[in-house]
Protein backbone atom coordinates (compact mmCIF):
# COMPACT_ATOMS: atom_id res chain seq x y z
CA MET A 1 36.75 13.97 19.65
CA LYS A 2 36.06 14.86 23.33
CA SER A 3 35.47 17.97 25.12
CA GLY A 4 34.12 19.45 28.09
CA GLN A 5 30.55 20.65 28.62
CA GLN A 6 30.63 24.21 29.81
CA ARG A 7 27.56 26.27 28.74
CA MET A 8 27.22 29.93 27.68
CA PRO A 9 26.02 32.09 30.71
CA ALA A 10 22.24 32.79 30.47
CA GLY A 11 21.32 35.92 28.60
CA MET A 12 24.75 36.25 26.96
CA SER A 13 25.24 36.35 23.20
CA ILE A 14 28.34 35.39 21.15
CA GLU A 15 29.30 35.62 17.54
CA THR A 16 30.32 32.34 15.90
CA ASP A 17 31.92 31.33 12.51
CA ILE A 18 31.20 27.48 13.09
CA PRO A 19 28.62 27.25 10.20
CA SER A 20 30.72 29.19 7.67
CA ARG A 21 33.86 27.06 8.58
CA LEU A 22 32.04 23.86 8.12
CA ASP A 23 30.28 24.80 4.93
CA ARG A 24 33.54 25.95 3.11
CA LEU A 25 35.34 22.65 3.49
CA GLN A 26 36.13 20.32 0.62
CA TRP A 27 35.15 16.72 0.84
CA GLY A 28 37.65 14.96 3.15
CA ARG A 29 38.04 11.82 5.17
CA PHE A 30 36.22 13.20 7.96
CA HIS A 31 33.12 13.49 5.82
CA MET A 32 33.66 10.02 4.47
CA LEU A 33 33.72 8.63 7.94
CA VAL A 34 30.34 10.58 8.64
CA LEU A 35 28.89 9.02 5.51
CA VAL A 36 29.77 5.32 6.54
CA ALA A 37 29.34 5.51 10.30
CA LEU A 38 25.98 7.18 10.27
CA GLY A 39 24.79 6.33 6.66
CA ILE A 40 24.92 2.58 7.58
CA THR A 41 21.61 2.93 9.48
CA TRP A 42 19.76 2.91 6.27
CA ILE A 43 21.57 -0.29 5.19
CA LEU A 44 20.17 -1.88 8.42
CA ASP A 45 16.70 -0.57 7.62
CA GLY A 46 16.79 -1.95 4.08
CA LEU A 47 18.17 -5.24 5.55
CA GLU A 48 15.23 -5.53 7.94
CA VAL A 49 12.50 -4.61 5.54
CA THR A 50 13.96 -6.82 2.71
CA LEU A 51 14.49 -9.68 5.11
CA ALA A 52 10.80 -9.41 6.12
CA GLY A 53 9.76 -9.36 2.53
CA SER A 54 12.05 -12.17 1.29
CA ILE A 55 11.14 -14.57 4.19
CA SER A 56 7.40 -14.04 3.98
CA GLY A 57 7.06 -17.49 2.30
CA ALA A 58 9.32 -19.06 5.02
CA LEU A 59 7.30 -17.41 7.89
CA GLN A 60 4.13 -18.98 6.21
CA SER A 61 5.59 -22.40 6.03
CA SER A 62 7.38 -22.15 9.34
CA PRO A 63 6.36 -24.91 11.66
CA SER A 64 6.33 -22.58 14.72
CA LEU A 65 4.92 -19.26 13.21
CA HIS A 66 2.82 -20.41 10.14
CA LEU A 67 1.87 -16.88 9.46
CA SER A 68 -0.98 -15.87 6.98
CA SER A 69 -0.55 -13.17 4.28
CA ALA A 70 -2.55 -10.76 6.37
CA GLN A 71 -0.40 -11.37 9.46
CA ILE A 72 2.73 -10.73 7.37
CA GLY A 73 1.10 -7.49 6.10
CA LEU A 74 0.11 -6.52 9.68
CA ALA A 75 3.64 -7.28 10.98
CA GLY A 76 4.96 -5.01 8.30
CA SER A 77 2.59 -2.29 9.44
CA LEU A 78 3.55 -2.75 13.03
CA TYR A 79 7.18 -2.34 12.16
CA VAL A 80 6.39 1.07 10.74
CA LEU A 81 4.24 1.95 13.76
CA GLY A 82 7.25 1.17 15.95
CA ALA A 83 9.44 3.37 13.70
CA VAL A 84 6.86 6.23 13.93
CA CYS A 85 6.80 5.98 17.86
CA GLY A 86 10.69 5.74 18.01
CA ALA A 87 10.99 8.70 15.74
CA MET A 88 8.93 11.00 17.93
CA VAL A 89 10.51 10.00 21.19
CA PHE A 90 14.20 9.86 20.21
CA GLY A 91 13.72 12.69 17.66
CA TRP A 92 12.68 14.99 20.64
CA LEU A 93 15.51 13.60 22.71
CA ALA A 94 18.18 14.24 19.92
CA ASP A 95 17.29 18.00 20.10
CA ARG A 96 17.49 18.07 23.89
CA TRP A 97 20.35 15.87 24.53
CA GLY A 98 22.28 16.07 21.33
CA ARG A 99 22.85 13.97 18.21
CA ARG A 100 25.66 11.89 19.43
CA ARG A 101 24.26 10.68 22.64
CA LEU A 102 21.21 9.23 20.89
CA PHE A 103 23.35 7.06 18.50
CA THR A 104 24.24 4.35 21.11
CA LEU A 105 20.68 4.29 22.56
CA THR A 106 18.82 3.77 19.39
CA ILE A 107 21.32 1.26 17.94
CA GLY A 108 21.44 -0.58 21.25
CA LEU A 109 17.60 -0.94 20.91
CA TYR A 110 17.77 -2.14 17.27
CA LEU A 111 20.32 -4.66 18.11
CA SER A 112 18.46 -6.21 20.94
CA ALA A 113 15.12 -6.22 19.10
CA THR A 114 16.54 -7.75 15.97
CA ALA A 115 18.44 -10.49 17.91
CA LEU A 116 15.02 -11.28 19.82
CA THR A 117 13.02 -11.60 16.60
CA ALA A 118 15.19 -14.52 15.75
CA PHE A 119 13.76 -16.30 18.74
CA SER A 120 9.99 -15.54 18.08
CA THR A 121 7.60 -18.42 18.85
CA ASP A 122 4.39 -17.13 17.47
CA PHE A 123 2.83 -14.20 15.64
CA THR A 124 2.62 -12.11 19.11
CA THR A 125 6.19 -12.33 19.87
CA TYR A 126 7.25 -11.81 16.17
CA ALA A 127 5.08 -8.78 15.95
CA LEU A 128 6.31 -7.30 19.39
CA PHE A 129 9.82 -7.62 18.44
CA ARG A 130 9.31 -5.98 15.00
CA VAL A 131 7.63 -2.96 16.76
CA LEU A 132 10.71 -2.57 18.77
CA THR A 133 13.08 -2.99 15.95
CA GLY A 134 11.22 -0.37 14.05
CA ALA A 135 11.40 1.94 17.26
CA GLY A 136 15.20 1.75 17.04
CA ILE A 137 15.27 2.50 13.36
CA GLY A 138 12.91 5.34 13.60
CA GLY A 139 14.95 6.97 16.34
CA GLU A 140 18.00 6.59 14.01
CA TYR A 141 16.25 8.33 11.30
CA ALA A 142 15.62 11.61 13.29
CA ALA A 143 19.02 11.84 14.96
CA ILE A 144 21.14 10.89 12.14
CA ASN A 145 19.60 12.80 9.38
CA SER A 146 20.11 15.94 11.43
CA ALA A 147 23.68 15.05 12.14
CA ILE A 148 24.48 14.53 8.46
CA GLN A 149 22.95 17.65 7.27
CA GLU A 150 24.79 19.60 10.03
CA LEU A 151 28.20 18.11 9.39
CA ILE A 152 28.31 17.94 5.69
CA PRO A 153 29.36 21.13 3.78
CA ALA A 154 26.35 22.93 2.00
CA ARG A 155 27.73 22.21 -1.66
CA TYR A 156 27.47 18.54 -1.03
CA ARG A 157 24.49 18.28 1.39
CA GLY A 158 21.70 17.21 -1.14
CA ARG A 159 23.81 14.46 -2.90
CA THR A 160 25.12 13.18 0.38
CA ASP A 161 21.70 12.96 2.10
CA LEU A 162 20.21 11.22 -1.12
CA LEU A 163 23.14 8.74 -1.20
CA VAL A 164 22.72 7.97 2.54
CA ASN A 165 19.07 7.37 2.34
CA GLY A 166 19.44 5.45 -0.94
CA SER A 167 21.80 3.17 0.78
CA PHE A 168 18.78 1.56 2.15
CA TRP A 169 18.96 -0.58 -0.97
CA VAL A 170 22.48 -1.84 -0.22
CA GLY A 171 20.97 -3.35 2.80
CA ALA A 172 18.17 -4.61 0.61
CA ALA A 173 20.60 -6.37 -1.75
CA ILE A 174 22.40 -7.98 1.36
CA GLY A 175 19.19 -9.06 2.78
CA GLY A 176 17.89 -10.46 -0.58
CA GLY A 177 21.10 -12.44 -1.19
CA GLY A 178 21.47 -13.59 2.28
CA ALA A 179 17.74 -14.86 2.11
CA VAL A 180 18.73 -16.86 -1.02
CA ILE A 181 21.52 -18.67 0.81
CA LEU A 182 19.68 -19.02 4.06
CA LEU A 183 16.43 -20.29 2.83
CA GLU A 184 17.81 -23.01 0.60
CA PRO A 185 16.03 -26.02 1.74
CA ALA A 186 18.93 -28.26 1.61
CA ARG A 187 21.10 -25.90 3.57
CA LEU A 188 19.23 -25.20 6.99
CA PRO A 189 15.96 -26.72 8.53
CA PRO A 190 12.84 -24.83 7.51
CA ASP A 191 12.45 -23.08 10.76
CA THR A 192 16.04 -22.03 11.05
CA GLY A 193 16.97 -20.08 8.06
CA TRP A 194 14.76 -17.15 8.83
CA ARG A 195 15.93 -16.93 12.13
CA VAL A 196 19.62 -16.93 11.12
CA ALA A 197 18.61 -14.20 8.64
CA PHE A 198 17.81 -11.72 11.38
CA GLY A 199 20.98 -12.31 12.99
CA ILE A 200 22.84 -10.70 10.09
CA GLY A 201 21.32 -7.31 11.18
CA ALA A 202 22.67 -7.72 14.69
CA VAL A 203 26.06 -8.33 13.54
CA LEU A 204 26.03 -5.33 11.28
CA GLY A 205 24.78 -3.23 14.16
CA LEU A 206 27.85 -4.13 16.22
CA VAL A 207 30.18 -2.85 13.51
CA ILE A 208 28.22 0.39 13.71
CA LEU A 209 28.70 0.79 17.46
CA TYR A 210 32.30 0.67 16.79
CA LEU A 211 32.42 3.17 13.89
CA ARG A 212 30.39 5.67 15.75
CA ARG A 213 33.05 6.04 18.49
CA PHE A 214 34.82 8.35 16.06
CA ILE A 215 31.92 10.65 15.29
CA PRO A 216 31.77 13.89 17.31
CA GLU A 217 28.71 15.86 18.36
CA SER A 218 27.27 18.25 15.85
CA PRO A 219 29.18 21.63 16.43
CA ARG A 220 25.99 23.42 15.19
CA TRP A 221 23.92 21.62 17.87
CA LEU A 222 26.62 22.67 20.53
CA MET A 223 26.67 26.28 19.40
CA THR A 224 22.91 26.54 19.77
CA HIS A 225 22.96 24.94 23.32
CA GLY A 226 25.52 27.43 24.91
CA ARG A 227 28.51 25.13 24.42
CA HIS A 228 30.32 27.27 21.75
CA ALA A 229 33.80 26.37 23.09
CA GLU A 230 33.12 22.67 22.34
CA GLY A 231 31.88 23.34 18.93
CA GLU A 232 34.98 25.53 18.05
CA LEU A 233 37.28 22.66 19.31
CA ILE A 234 35.44 20.06 17.23
CA VAL A 235 35.57 22.18 14.03
CA SER A 236 39.23 22.76 14.61
CA GLN A 237 39.53 18.91 14.61
CA ILE A 238 37.63 18.63 11.40
CA GLU A 239 39.59 21.22 9.78
CA LYS A 240 42.65 19.14 10.19
CA MET A 241 41.03 16.38 8.14
CA ALA A 242 39.49 18.61 5.32
CA GLN A 243 40.79 21.62 3.39
CA PRO A 244 38.73 24.67 2.40
CA ALA A 245 37.54 24.52 -1.16
CA PRO A 246 39.42 26.57 -3.64
CA ASP A 247 36.13 28.60 -4.35
CA ALA A 248 35.06 28.77 -0.71
CA PRO A 249 33.44 32.15 0.27
CA PRO A 250 34.79 34.34 3.08
CA ILE A 251 34.16 33.27 6.60
CA THR A 252 31.08 34.99 8.14
CA ARG A 253 29.85 35.10 11.40
CA ILE A 254 26.35 34.88 13.13
CA ALA A 255 25.23 36.02 16.50
CA LEU A 256 23.57 33.49 18.91
CA THR A 257 22.33 33.50 22.31
CA ASP A 258 21.44 30.43 24.54
CA HIS A 259 17.67 29.95 23.75
CA ARG A 260 15.68 27.24 25.27
CA VAL A 261 13.24 25.83 22.92
CA ARG A 262 9.58 25.23 24.11
CA TRP A 263 6.74 23.37 22.57
CA LEU A 264 5.16 26.81 21.91
CA ASP A 265 8.28 27.63 19.63
CA VAL A 266 7.68 24.46 17.65
CA THR A 267 3.97 25.05 17.27
CA ARG A 268 4.34 28.53 16.25
CA THR A 269 7.08 27.64 13.80
CA LEU A 270 4.94 24.84 12.22
CA PHE A 271 1.74 26.85 11.91
CA ARG A 272 2.61 30.46 11.87
CA THR A 273 6.13 30.97 10.61
CA TYR A 274 6.29 28.11 8.08
CA PRO A 275 2.69 26.84 7.43
CA GLY A 276 3.60 26.24 3.63
CA ARG A 277 6.64 24.30 4.50
CA SER A 278 4.69 22.15 6.90
CA PHE A 279 2.01 21.39 4.45
CA TYR A 280 4.68 20.51 1.93
CA SER A 281 6.66 18.45 4.06
CA LEU A 282 3.70 16.30 5.05
CA VAL A 283 2.57 15.88 1.40
CA LEU A 284 6.21 14.64 0.42
CA MET A 285 6.52 12.33 3.34
CA SER A 286 3.20 10.85 3.33
CA SER A 287 3.12 10.06 -0.43
CA GLN A 288 6.46 8.34 -0.51
CA ALA A 289 5.67 6.42 2.71
CA PHE A 290 2.58 4.85 1.20
CA PHE A 291 4.37 4.48 -2.35
CA TYR A 292 7.33 2.63 -0.60
CA ASN A 293 5.72 0.66 2.10
CA ALA A 294 2.96 -0.64 -0.02
CA ILE A 295 5.31 -2.21 -2.49
CA SER A 296 8.60 -2.95 -0.67
CA LEU A 297 6.90 -4.83 2.24
CA THR A 298 4.59 -7.00 -0.15
CA TYR A 299 6.55 -7.48 -3.25
CA ALA A 300 7.50 -11.08 -2.40
CA LEU A 301 3.87 -11.93 -1.90
CA VAL A 302 3.09 -10.55 -5.52
CA LEU A 303 5.94 -12.51 -6.92
CA GLY A 304 4.93 -15.78 -5.11
CA ARG A 305 1.17 -15.45 -5.63
CA PHE A 306 0.99 -14.20 -9.18
CA PHE A 307 4.06 -15.38 -10.72
CA GLY A 308 4.84 -18.64 -9.00
CA VAL A 309 8.33 -17.63 -7.61
CA ALA A 310 9.52 -20.03 -4.98
CA GLU A 311 10.25 -18.53 -1.59
CA GLN A 312 13.76 -19.37 -1.62
CA ASP A 313 14.53 -17.62 -4.91
CA ILE A 314 12.66 -14.32 -3.91
CA GLY A 315 16.02 -12.81 -2.88
CA LEU A 316 17.31 -13.11 -6.57
CA TYR A 317 14.44 -10.87 -7.77
CA ILE A 318 15.43 -8.27 -5.04
CA LEU A 319 18.85 -7.63 -6.50
CA PRO A 320 17.82 -5.75 -9.70
CA PHE A 321 15.15 -3.98 -7.74
CA ALA A 322 17.66 -2.99 -5.17
CA ALA A 323 20.05 -1.92 -7.95
CA GLY A 324 17.54 0.40 -9.35
CA ASN A 325 16.69 2.01 -6.08
CA PHE A 326 20.27 2.76 -5.17
CA LEU A 327 21.48 4.03 -8.65
CA GLY A 328 18.70 6.55 -8.54
CA PRO A 329 20.09 8.64 -5.62
CA LEU A 330 23.58 7.95 -6.69
CA LEU A 331 23.32 9.07 -10.26
CA LEU A 332 20.78 11.78 -9.74
CA GLY A 333 21.95 13.12 -6.41
CA LYS A 334 24.37 15.75 -7.72
CA LEU A 335 21.73 17.38 -9.77
CA PHE A 336 19.75 18.24 -6.44
CA ASP A 337 22.72 20.51 -5.70
CA THR A 338 23.35 21.79 -9.29
CA LEU A 339 19.80 22.04 -11.00
CA GLY A 340 18.17 22.56 -7.66
CA ARG A 341 15.81 20.96 -5.18
CA LYS A 342 12.54 22.09 -6.67
CA PRO A 343 12.92 20.90 -10.29
CA MET A 344 14.49 17.57 -9.18
CA ILE A 345 11.97 16.86 -6.59
CA ALA A 346 9.11 17.71 -9.04
CA LEU A 347 10.67 15.48 -11.67
CA THR A 348 11.46 12.56 -9.61
CA TYR A 349 7.99 12.43 -8.11
CA ALA A 350 6.10 12.87 -11.30
CA ALA A 351 8.27 10.15 -13.07
CA SER A 352 7.66 7.76 -10.30
CA GLY A 353 3.83 8.14 -10.52
CA LEU A 354 3.64 7.93 -14.33
CA LEU A 355 5.82 4.94 -14.49
CA LEU A 356 3.82 3.13 -11.73
CA LEU A 357 0.75 3.84 -13.64
CA LEU A 358 2.09 2.07 -16.64
CA THR A 359 3.35 -0.89 -14.62
CA ALA A 360 -0.23 -1.19 -13.17
CA TRP A 361 -1.71 -1.37 -16.65
CA LEU A 362 0.79 -3.87 -17.83
CA PHE A 363 0.37 -6.02 -14.72
CA THR A 364 -3.47 -6.07 -15.08
CA ARG A 365 -3.06 -7.20 -18.61
CA GLY A 366 -0.96 -10.07 -17.62
CA TRP A 367 1.84 -9.04 -20.02
CA LEU A 368 4.67 -9.06 -17.35
CA SER A 369 6.60 -12.12 -16.38
CA ALA A 370 8.20 -12.40 -12.97
CA GLY A 371 11.59 -10.74 -14.61
CA GLY A 372 9.49 -8.14 -16.38
CA GLN A 373 7.62 -7.20 -13.21
CA THR A 374 10.92 -6.95 -11.40
CA LEU A 375 12.43 -4.61 -14.25
CA ALA A 376 9.40 -2.53 -14.21
CA TRP A 377 9.69 -2.00 -10.43
CA SER A 378 13.46 -1.32 -10.91
CA VAL A 379 12.75 1.52 -13.35
CA VAL A 380 10.05 3.15 -11.13
CA PHE A 381 12.11 3.01 -8.12
CA PHE A 382 15.02 4.35 -9.86
CA PHE A 383 13.17 7.78 -9.69
CA ALA A 384 11.10 7.04 -6.52
CA SER A 385 14.13 6.34 -4.46
CA ALA A 386 15.73 9.63 -5.32
CA ALA A 387 12.13 11.24 -4.60
CA ALA A 388 11.74 9.63 -1.23
CA SER A 389 15.24 10.43 -0.03
CA ALA A 390 14.64 14.25 -1.04
CA ALA A 391 11.79 14.18 1.16
CA TYR A 392 14.05 13.71 4.27
CA LEU A 393 16.30 16.16 2.83
CA THR A 394 13.64 18.77 2.37
CA VAL A 395 12.21 18.24 6.10
CA GLY A 396 15.59 18.60 7.62
CA GLU A 397 16.31 21.72 5.73
CA SER A 398 13.01 23.47 6.34
CA PHE A 399 13.01 24.26 9.95
CA PRO A 400 15.21 25.92 12.51
CA LEU A 401 18.32 23.78 13.83
CA GLU A 402 17.08 23.63 17.48
CA MET A 403 14.04 21.59 16.35
CA ARG A 404 15.56 19.79 13.13
CA ALA A 405 15.54 16.31 14.72
CA LEU A 406 11.97 16.74 16.11
CA GLY A 407 10.71 18.24 12.82
CA ILE A 408 12.15 15.22 10.94
CA ALA A 409 10.35 13.01 13.62
CA ILE A 410 7.03 14.82 13.33
CA PHE A 411 6.69 14.73 9.59
CA TYR A 412 8.22 11.27 9.26
CA SER A 413 5.67 10.04 11.91
CA LEU A 414 2.63 11.96 10.44
CA GLY A 415 3.61 11.03 6.75
CA THR A 416 4.25 7.28 7.72
CA ALA A 417 1.18 7.10 9.97
CA LEU A 418 -0.84 8.64 6.95
CA GLY A 419 0.76 6.83 4.15
CA GLY A 420 2.90 3.98 5.58
CA ILE A 421 1.17 1.93 8.42
CA VAL A 422 -1.97 1.13 6.38
CA ALA A 423 -0.24 0.38 3.15
CA PRO A 424 1.52 -3.03 3.97
CA TRP A 425 -1.76 -4.26 5.52
CA TRP A 426 -3.88 -3.02 2.66
CA PHE A 427 -1.75 -4.63 0.00
CA GLY A 428 -1.58 -7.76 1.87
CA VAL A 429 -5.37 -7.90 1.84
CA LEU A 430 -5.36 -7.05 -1.89
CA ILE A 431 -3.00 -9.74 -2.74
CA GLY A 432 -4.84 -12.14 -0.52
CA THR A 433 -7.91 -11.77 -2.90
CA GLY A 434 -5.84 -13.13 -5.91
CA GLU A 435 -7.24 -10.49 -8.26
CA ARG A 436 -4.72 -8.54 -10.37
CA GLY A 437 -7.29 -5.70 -10.61
CA ALA A 438 -7.18 -5.37 -6.87
CA ILE A 439 -3.54 -4.99 -6.77
CA ALA A 440 -3.57 -2.64 -9.61
CA MET A 441 -6.01 -0.21 -7.85
CA GLY A 442 -3.54 -0.14 -5.00
CA TYR A 443 -0.78 0.96 -7.51
CA VAL A 444 -2.92 3.62 -9.12
CA PHE A 445 -3.65 5.05 -5.72
CA GLY A 446 0.02 5.11 -4.81
CA ALA A 447 0.79 6.83 -8.21
CA THR A 448 -1.74 9.35 -7.79
CA LEU A 449 -0.23 10.32 -4.44
CA MET A 450 3.22 10.97 -6.04
CA LEU A 451 1.69 12.86 -8.83
CA ILE A 452 0.00 15.25 -6.24
CA ALA A 453 3.37 15.74 -4.46
CA ALA A 454 4.96 16.74 -7.81
CA ALA A 455 2.34 19.51 -8.22
CA VAL A 456 2.61 20.57 -4.76
CA THR A 457 6.44 20.92 -5.12
CA LEU A 458 5.95 23.31 -7.99
CA LYS A 459 4.08 25.65 -5.57
CA PHE A 460 5.86 25.12 -2.18
CA GLY A 461 9.40 23.90 -3.26
CA ILE A 462 12.34 25.44 -1.51
CA ALA A 463 15.60 26.57 -3.27
CA ALA A 464 17.88 25.30 -0.62
CA GLU A 465 20.70 24.02 -2.71
CA ARG A 466 24.16 25.25 -1.61
CA GLN A 467 22.73 27.48 1.13
CA PRO A 468 23.84 27.32 4.72
CA LEU A 469 21.16 25.81 6.84
CA GLU A 470 21.01 28.98 8.85
CA HIS A 471 19.98 30.94 5.79
CA VAL A 472 17.17 28.36 4.83
CA ALA A 473 15.73 28.45 8.33
CA ARG A 474 16.87 30.97 10.91
CA PRO A 475 17.87 29.40 14.32
CA PHE A 476 15.69 30.19 17.33
CA SER A 477 18.85 31.39 19.03
CA SER A 478 19.96 33.77 16.49
CA VAL A 479 20.28 37.43 17.26
CA ASP A 480 19.84 40.13 14.65
CA ARG A 481 22.59 42.77 15.17
CA SER A 482 21.90 44.59 11.76
């Protein structure tokens, strides 16, 4: 889908039906293409994080790296730090340059850094390449969450966003299964299996490059950047691949002008127009970031240290854990569009916290086997995965279209900085003590954050289900002609 780049003359306003036409469509093959080509990013992230966790034992026993538990935890934190920086830089660029232009740049960075990770010679080079890999993934988060929300019809937006973010765990299953095969001692030399494992991500990235050739720029982004004719052309092409829903509402129009967003606009929106949404977004993102990064980046160390699971078998325990994480968004996602955002977000955050408290108590008592611990995590993250995915959905819906990618980047970065960067390192230290009580303390802290987020949702939750994005947060470029 190609078109020219003629901008609307400065000071001129137009009326457009682009949002209404996009939102009234039934699910079609175009939407499936978007789901696959853009959603695969989370599969890559799941692959990366799971490989890092699954091969932690191999990295410790590697003749060239020989990393400690603390270094593995630190490398996980540095990966998250890279994602934070990448999200901020590429999120800002995605709002200025467009969603599509960033796709090639961010996936290219990911591909290069992942391939280089396989050639790490010591902790310094391994950590550096993990930072760069994280930067590529962080950039993908901002641009792609924005594009998916802007391209998917309103009636499907919640379940689609949850499914896409939940697909992280499809990558986790691939990473876990791949680690089992590649880390088998009789299959490859001890310093080779983990290197080949990182090559899996690079190969998947090449597939993504091909698929994204068929994804157009967001018509919503084009209409707010003075390129209305291009947006109209793309919508017409999309309509050839998807029919209007039988119960679709009449087409409506909104008036827009070419508004250049300044940092003053962003600051005023965050602190004056929507301060409650800003606080709410920060709470959701930081709580789920701590919860997830603390456990997903260190679970292999727990299984090895406290349950004696061999490093080559870690991947087997990831599969049920990944299944619970993927099934949560898959089975609960539709309810976010029907029952609503507020009740479902509160429910999933609260259930995650309460179930992790129970798991911490059972772990401290020593009543769980390796299989029992994995089953407990799987149940906890059935709800936590839906909760974390809903956090990205909420942030993307809460702010004007012209700063959507930057808004996602800001709250992903702040939330991850507060809740995600320190978590893997801290849990690595706790695991290093060899004390179950120390690990349980970390679990209790994470559970408490999730319960706080559930309570905050009851006060600040937004009823964005089935609503056009332009109704949830008015664009900067909108013109009131009432």
